Structures are given as C-alpha cells and as structure tokens.
Amino acid sequence: MSAKSSEQSPNVFQWLFERGEETVSHAVEDLLGRPGVSDNLVKFAQRALKTKGRVDKNVETLLHLLNLPSRADYHALRVKIEHLQGSLINLNMKIDRLLAAQERRKKKT
C-alpha cells in the first residue's frame, strides 16, 4: 500500500461516517416528526420499564425462595461492611491517640 492511499483511507472512512451519521439523523428526525410515533415510543418505554420492574421483582422472589442472595442483599451487606470499616478506622485513631498519650506519660516520668 502506498503512502498516498494510506493517507486517503482515514479521510474516506471519516467522510463515510459523517454521511452515515447525517443520513441516520435525518431518518430519525423524519420518523419522530410523524404524528403518533413519539407517543408510541413513550408508551413503549413506559411498558418496557414496567416489565423490567416486574422481572426484577420476580427474580428477587425466586432467589429468596432458593435461599440465594439478591442484588438488594449484596447492597445491604456492602453498606454494613462500609459502616464497620468506618468504625474500625475510628477505633484505630482512638487507640493511636491513647498509645501516644501513654508514651508521653512514660517520657515525663
């Protein structure tokens, strides 16, 4: 492949990409401009979200019946672990202060 053709290839691909992007953009605008299409898209999205909620709830119920942890269980456990980690950090800081105070008392005597 010559240097000239390798320099033109990215330009050709860029041009094709831009043309494709423009074409898709115009097609979507035309489609959404038609009466009822956007309303149907909104209804479709609402039904899809409602169905996803039902599926999630059913999967969580099934996992509970099988005595397996769900996403909510993992989230609750993670929150508890983060709380415990914060408590441990606070305890470590207090122990460090107590040890430092004890060292200072030893040095004074």
N, C-alpha and C. Protein backbone atom coordinates (compact mmCIF):
# COMPACT_ATOMS: atom_id res chain seq x y z
N MET A 1 0.86 -1.17 0.00
CA MET A 1 0.00 0.00 0.00
C MET A 1 0.90 1.23 0.00
N SER A 2 0.59 2.17 -0.84
CA SER A 2 1.43 3.36 -0.92
C SER A 2 1.08 4.34 0.17
N ALA A 3 1.98 5.29 0.40
CA ALA A 3 1.77 6.30 1.45
C ALA A 3 0.57 7.17 1.10
N LYS A 4 0.36 7.41 -0.20
CA LYS A 4 -0.74 8.27 -0.62
C LYS A 4 -2.10 7.62 -0.30
N SER A 5 -2.23 6.32 -0.57
CA SER A 5 -3.51 5.64 -0.32
C SER A 5 -3.76 5.48 1.18
N SER A 6 -2.70 5.32 1.96
CA SER A 6 -2.90 5.21 3.41
C SER A 6 -3.30 6.54 4.02
N GLU A 7 -2.89 7.64 3.40
CA GLU A 7 -3.31 8.96 3.89
C GLU A 7 -4.76 9.23 3.53
N GLN A 8 -5.23 8.71 2.38
CA GLN A 8 -6.59 8.96 1.94
C GLN A 8 -7.60 8.07 2.66
N SER A 9 -7.21 6.88 3.10
CA SER A 9 -8.14 5.95 3.74
C SER A 9 -8.85 6.55 4.95
N PRO A 10 -8.14 7.15 5.89
CA PRO A 10 -8.86 7.74 7.02
C PRO A 10 -9.84 8.82 6.59
N ASN A 11 -9.48 9.58 5.56
CA ASN A 11 -10.38 10.63 5.07
C ASN A 11 -11.64 10.01 4.47
N VAL A 12 -11.49 8.94 3.72
CA VAL A 12 -12.63 8.27 3.11
C VAL A 12 -13.53 7.70 4.20
N PHE A 13 -12.94 7.04 5.18
CA PHE A 13 -13.73 6.48 6.27
C PHE A 13 -14.43 7.58 7.07
N GLN A 14 -13.75 8.67 7.29
CA GLN A 14 -14.34 9.80 8.00
C GLN A 14 -15.52 10.35 7.22
N TRP A 15 -15.34 10.49 5.90
CA TRP A 15 -16.40 11.00 5.04
C TRP A 15 -17.61 10.06 5.07
N LEU A 16 -17.36 8.75 4.97
CA LEU A 16 -18.46 7.77 5.02
C LEU A 16 -19.18 7.83 6.37
N PHE A 17 -18.42 7.95 7.43
CA PHE A 17 -19.01 8.02 8.77
C PHE A 17 -19.90 9.25 8.90
N GLU A 18 -19.40 10.39 8.44
CA GLU A 18 -20.18 11.63 8.52
C GLU A 18 -21.44 11.55 7.68
N ARG A 19 -21.35 10.98 6.49
CA ARG A 19 -22.52 10.83 5.62
C ARG A 19 -23.53 9.89 6.29
N GLY A 20 -23.06 8.81 6.85
CA GLY A 20 -23.95 7.87 7.52
C GLY A 20 -24.63 8.51 8.73
N GLU A 21 -23.87 9.30 9.46
CA GLU A 21 -24.41 9.99 10.63
C GLU A 21 -25.49 10.97 10.21
N GLU A 22 -25.25 11.72 9.13
CA GLU A 22 -26.25 12.68 8.64
C GLU A 22 -27.51 11.96 8.17
N THR A 23 -27.33 10.86 7.46
CA THR A 23 -28.47 10.11 6.93
C THR A 23 -29.32 9.55 8.06
N VAL A 24 -28.67 8.96 9.05
CA VAL A 24 -29.41 8.41 10.20
C VAL A 24 -30.10 9.53 10.95
N SER A 25 -29.44 10.64 11.12
CA SER A 25 -30.02 11.79 11.82
C SER A 25 -31.28 12.27 11.12
N HIS A 26 -31.24 12.40 9.80
CA HIS A 26 -32.42 12.85 9.04
C HIS A 26 -33.54 11.81 9.12
N ALA A 27 -33.19 10.54 9.05
CA ALA A 27 -34.21 9.49 9.11
C ALA A 27 -34.91 9.50 10.47
N VAL A 28 -34.14 9.66 11.54
CA VAL A 28 -34.74 9.71 12.88
C VAL A 28 -35.62 10.95 13.03
N GLU A 29 -35.17 12.08 12.54
CA GLU A 29 -35.98 13.30 12.60
C GLU A 29 -37.29 13.12 11.85
N ASP A 30 -37.23 12.53 10.65
CA ASP A 30 -38.45 12.30 9.87
C ASP A 30 -39.39 11.34 10.60
N LEU A 31 -38.83 10.31 11.17
CA LEU A 31 -39.64 9.32 11.88
C LEU A 31 -40.32 9.93 13.10
N LEU A 32 -39.56 10.69 13.88
CA LEU A 32 -40.14 11.31 15.08
C LEU A 32 -41.10 12.44 14.74
N GLY A 33 -40.99 13.00 13.54
CA GLY A 33 -41.87 14.07 13.13
C GLY A 33 -43.26 13.58 12.76
N ARG A 34 -43.41 12.29 12.51
CA ARG A 34 -44.71 11.74 12.14
C ARG A 34 -45.62 11.72 13.36
N PRO A 35 -46.91 11.99 13.15
CA PRO A 35 -47.85 12.03 14.28
C PRO A 35 -48.00 10.65 14.92
N GLY A 36 -47.96 10.62 16.24
CA GLY A 36 -48.18 9.40 16.99
C GLY A 36 -46.95 8.57 17.25
N VAL A 37 -45.89 8.78 16.49
CA VAL A 37 -44.69 7.96 16.66
C VAL A 37 -44.04 8.23 18.01
N SER A 38 -43.87 9.50 18.35
CA SER A 38 -43.22 9.81 19.63
C SER A 38 -44.08 9.36 20.80
N ASP A 39 -45.42 9.48 20.67
CA ASP A 39 -46.30 8.99 21.74
C ASP A 39 -46.16 7.49 21.91
N ASN A 40 -46.09 6.77 20.79
CA ASN A 40 -45.93 5.32 20.86
C ASN A 40 -44.58 4.93 21.45
N LEU A 41 -43.55 5.70 21.13
CA LEU A 41 -42.23 5.42 21.71
C LEU A 41 -42.25 5.62 23.23
N VAL A 42 -42.93 6.66 23.68
CA VAL A 42 -43.03 6.91 25.12
C VAL A 42 -43.79 5.77 25.79
N LYS A 43 -44.90 5.35 25.19
CA LYS A 43 -45.68 4.24 25.75
C LYS A 43 -44.85 2.96 25.78
N PHE A 44 -44.10 2.72 24.71
CA PHE A 44 -43.24 1.54 24.65
C PHE A 44 -42.20 1.56 25.76
N ALA A 45 -41.57 2.71 25.96
CA ALA A 45 -40.55 2.83 27.00
C ALA A 45 -41.16 2.63 28.39
N GLN A 46 -42.35 3.18 28.61
CA GLN A 46 -43.01 3.00 29.91
C GLN A 46 -43.34 1.54 30.15
N ARG A 47 -43.86 0.87 29.13
CA ARG A 47 -44.19 -0.56 29.29
C ARG A 47 -42.92 -1.39 29.50
N ALA A 48 -41.84 -1.04 28.80
CA ALA A 48 -40.59 -1.77 28.96
C ALA A 48 -40.06 -1.62 30.38
N LEU A 49 -40.12 -0.40 30.93
CA LEU A 49 -39.65 -0.18 32.31
C LEU A 49 -40.53 -0.92 33.31
N LYS A 50 -41.83 -0.93 33.07
CA LYS A 50 -42.75 -1.63 33.95
C LYS A 50 -42.46 -3.15 33.92
N THR A 51 -42.23 -3.66 32.73
CA THR A 51 -41.92 -5.08 32.58
C THR A 51 -40.59 -5.42 33.25
N LYS A 52 -39.60 -4.56 33.09
CA LYS A 52 -38.30 -4.78 33.73
C LYS A 52 -38.46 -4.82 35.24
N GLY A 53 -39.29 -3.92 35.78
CA GLY A 53 -39.54 -3.92 37.22
C GLY A 53 -40.17 -5.21 37.69
N ARG A 54 -41.12 -5.72 36.91
CA ARG A 54 -41.76 -6.99 37.26
C ARG A 54 -40.76 -8.15 37.22
N VAL A 55 -39.95 -8.17 36.16
CA VAL A 55 -38.94 -9.24 36.04
C VAL A 55 -37.96 -9.17 37.21
N ASP A 56 -37.49 -7.98 37.54
CA ASP A 56 -36.56 -7.83 38.66
C ASP A 56 -37.19 -8.33 39.96
N LYS A 57 -38.44 -7.97 40.18
CA LYS A 57 -39.13 -8.39 41.40
C LYS A 57 -39.29 -9.91 41.42
N ASN A 58 -39.66 -10.50 40.29
CA ASN A 58 -39.83 -11.95 40.23
C ASN A 58 -38.51 -12.69 40.42
N VAL A 59 -37.44 -12.17 39.85
CA VAL A 59 -36.13 -12.79 40.02
C VAL A 59 -35.70 -12.71 41.48
N GLU A 60 -35.94 -11.56 42.11
CA GLU A 60 -35.59 -11.41 43.52
C GLU A 60 -36.39 -12.39 44.39
N THR A 61 -37.67 -12.55 44.08
CA THR A 61 -38.50 -13.51 44.82
C THR A 61 -37.99 -14.93 44.62
N LEU A 62 -37.64 -15.28 43.38
CA LEU A 62 -37.12 -16.62 43.10
C LEU A 62 -35.80 -16.85 43.84
N LEU A 63 -34.92 -15.87 43.83
CA LEU A 63 -33.66 -16.02 44.56
C LEU A 63 -33.90 -16.20 46.05
N HIS A 64 -34.88 -15.46 46.58
CA HIS A 64 -35.22 -15.59 48.00
C HIS A 64 -35.73 -16.99 48.30
N LEU A 65 -36.58 -17.52 47.41
CA LEU A 65 -37.11 -18.87 47.61
C LEU A 65 -36.02 -19.93 47.54
N LEU A 66 -35.01 -19.68 46.71
CA LEU A 66 -33.89 -20.61 46.58
C LEU A 66 -32.80 -20.36 47.63
N ASN A 67 -33.07 -19.40 48.51
CA ASN A 67 -32.13 -19.05 49.57
C ASN A 67 -30.78 -18.58 49.00
N LEU A 68 -30.87 -17.78 47.93
CA LEU A 68 -29.68 -17.20 47.30
C LEU A 68 -29.73 -15.69 47.48
N PRO A 69 -28.58 -15.04 47.62
CA PRO A 69 -28.58 -13.58 47.82
C PRO A 69 -28.96 -12.85 46.54
N SER A 70 -29.72 -11.79 46.72
CA SER A 70 -30.12 -10.95 45.59
C SER A 70 -29.23 -9.70 45.55
N ARG A 71 -29.47 -8.86 44.56
CA ARG A 71 -28.71 -7.61 44.45
C ARG A 71 -28.96 -6.73 45.68
N ALA A 72 -30.20 -6.71 46.15
CA ALA A 72 -30.52 -5.91 47.34
C ALA A 72 -29.78 -6.46 48.57
N ASP A 73 -29.66 -7.77 48.66
CA ASP A 73 -28.92 -8.37 49.78
C ASP A 73 -27.45 -7.97 49.74
N TYR A 74 -26.86 -8.01 48.53
CA TYR A 74 -25.47 -7.59 48.40
C TYR A 74 -25.30 -6.12 48.75
N HIS A 75 -26.25 -5.30 48.33
CA HIS A 75 -26.16 -3.87 48.63
C HIS A 75 -26.24 -3.64 50.14
N ALA A 76 -27.18 -4.31 50.81
CA ALA A 76 -27.31 -4.14 52.26
C ALA A 76 -26.05 -4.61 52.98
N LEU A 77 -25.48 -5.71 52.53
CA LEU A 77 -24.25 -6.22 53.12
C LEU A 77 -23.09 -5.25 52.90
N ARG A 78 -23.03 -4.68 51.72
CA ARG A 78 -21.96 -3.72 51.42
C ARG A 78 -22.06 -2.48 52.31
N VAL A 79 -23.28 -2.01 52.54
CA VAL A 79 -23.49 -0.85 53.41
C VAL A 79 -23.02 -1.17 54.82
N LYS A 80 -23.35 -2.36 55.30
CA LYS A 80 -22.93 -2.77 56.65
C LYS A 80 -21.41 -2.86 56.75
N ILE A 81 -20.78 -3.42 55.71
CA ILE A 81 -19.32 -3.55 55.71
C ILE A 81 -18.67 -2.17 55.71
N GLU A 82 -19.19 -1.25 54.92
CA GLU A 82 -18.63 0.11 54.90
C GLU A 82 -18.80 0.79 56.26
N HIS A 83 -19.91 0.55 56.92
CA HIS A 83 -20.13 1.11 58.25
C HIS A 83 -19.12 0.52 59.25
N LEU A 84 -18.93 -0.79 59.18
CA LEU A 84 -17.95 -1.43 60.07
C LEU A 84 -16.54 -0.92 59.79
N GLN A 85 -16.22 -0.72 58.53
CA GLN A 85 -14.90 -0.21 58.18
C GLN A 85 -14.69 1.17 58.77
N GLY A 86 -15.71 2.02 58.72
CA GLY A 86 -15.61 3.35 59.32
C GLY A 86 -15.42 3.26 60.82
N SER A 87 -16.14 2.33 61.46
CA SER A 87 -15.98 2.16 62.90
C SER A 87 -14.58 1.69 63.25
N LEU A 88 -14.03 0.78 62.45
CA LEU A 88 -12.66 0.30 62.70
C LEU A 88 -11.64 1.42 62.53
N ILE A 89 -11.83 2.26 61.56
CA ILE A 89 -10.92 3.40 61.38
C ILE A 89 -10.97 4.31 62.59
N ASN A 90 -12.18 4.59 63.08
CA ASN A 90 -12.32 5.43 64.27
C ASN A 90 -11.65 4.79 65.48
N LEU A 91 -11.84 3.48 65.65
CA LEU A 91 -11.20 2.79 66.77
C LEU A 91 -9.68 2.84 66.66
N ASN A 92 -9.15 2.65 65.46
CA ASN A 92 -7.70 2.73 65.26
C ASN A 92 -7.17 4.11 65.61
N MET A 93 -7.90 5.15 65.22
CA MET A 93 -7.46 6.51 65.55
C MET A 93 -7.46 6.73 67.05
N LYS A 94 -8.48 6.23 67.75
CA LYS A 94 -8.55 6.39 69.21
C LYS A 94 -7.44 5.62 69.90
N ILE A 95 -7.16 4.41 69.42
CA ILE A 95 -6.08 3.61 70.00
C ILE A 95 -4.74 4.32 69.79
N ASP A 96 -4.54 4.87 68.59
CA ASP A 96 -3.29 5.60 68.32
C ASP A 96 -3.14 6.79 69.26
N ARG A 97 -4.23 7.51 69.51
CA ARG A 97 -4.17 8.65 70.43
C ARG A 97 -3.85 8.19 71.86
N LEU A 98 -4.50 7.10 72.28
CA LEU A 98 -4.24 6.58 73.63
C LEU A 98 -2.79 6.13 73.77
N LEU A 99 -2.28 5.45 72.75
CA LEU A 99 -0.88 4.99 72.81
C LEU A 99 0.08 6.17 72.82
N ALA A 100 -0.22 7.20 72.04
CA ALA A 100 0.64 8.38 72.03
C ALA A 100 0.61 9.08 73.38
N ALA A 101 -0.57 9.17 73.99
CA ALA A 101 -0.68 9.79 75.31
C ALA A 101 0.08 8.95 76.34
N GLN A 102 0.00 7.66 76.23
CA GLN A 102 0.71 6.77 77.17
C GLN A 102 2.22 6.92 76.98
N GLU A 103 2.68 7.05 75.78
CA GLU A 103 4.11 7.24 75.53
C GLU A 103 4.59 8.58 76.11
N ARG A 104 3.76 9.62 75.97
CA ARG A 104 4.13 10.92 76.52
C ARG A 104 4.23 10.85 78.03
N ARG A 105 3.32 10.13 78.68
CA ARG A 105 3.37 9.99 80.15
C ARG A 105 4.62 9.23 80.57
N LYS A 106 4.99 8.22 79.81
CA LYS A 106 6.19 7.44 80.15
C LYS A 106 7.44 8.30 80.02
N LYS A 107 7.50 9.17 79.02
CA LYS A 107 8.65 10.01 78.81
C LYS A 107 8.77 11.07 79.92
N LYS A 108 7.63 11.52 80.48
CA LYS A 108 7.65 12.53 81.53
C LYS A 108 8.17 11.93 82.84
N THR A 109 7.95 10.66 83.04
CA THR A 109 8.36 10.07 84.33
C THR A 109 9.75 9.52 84.29
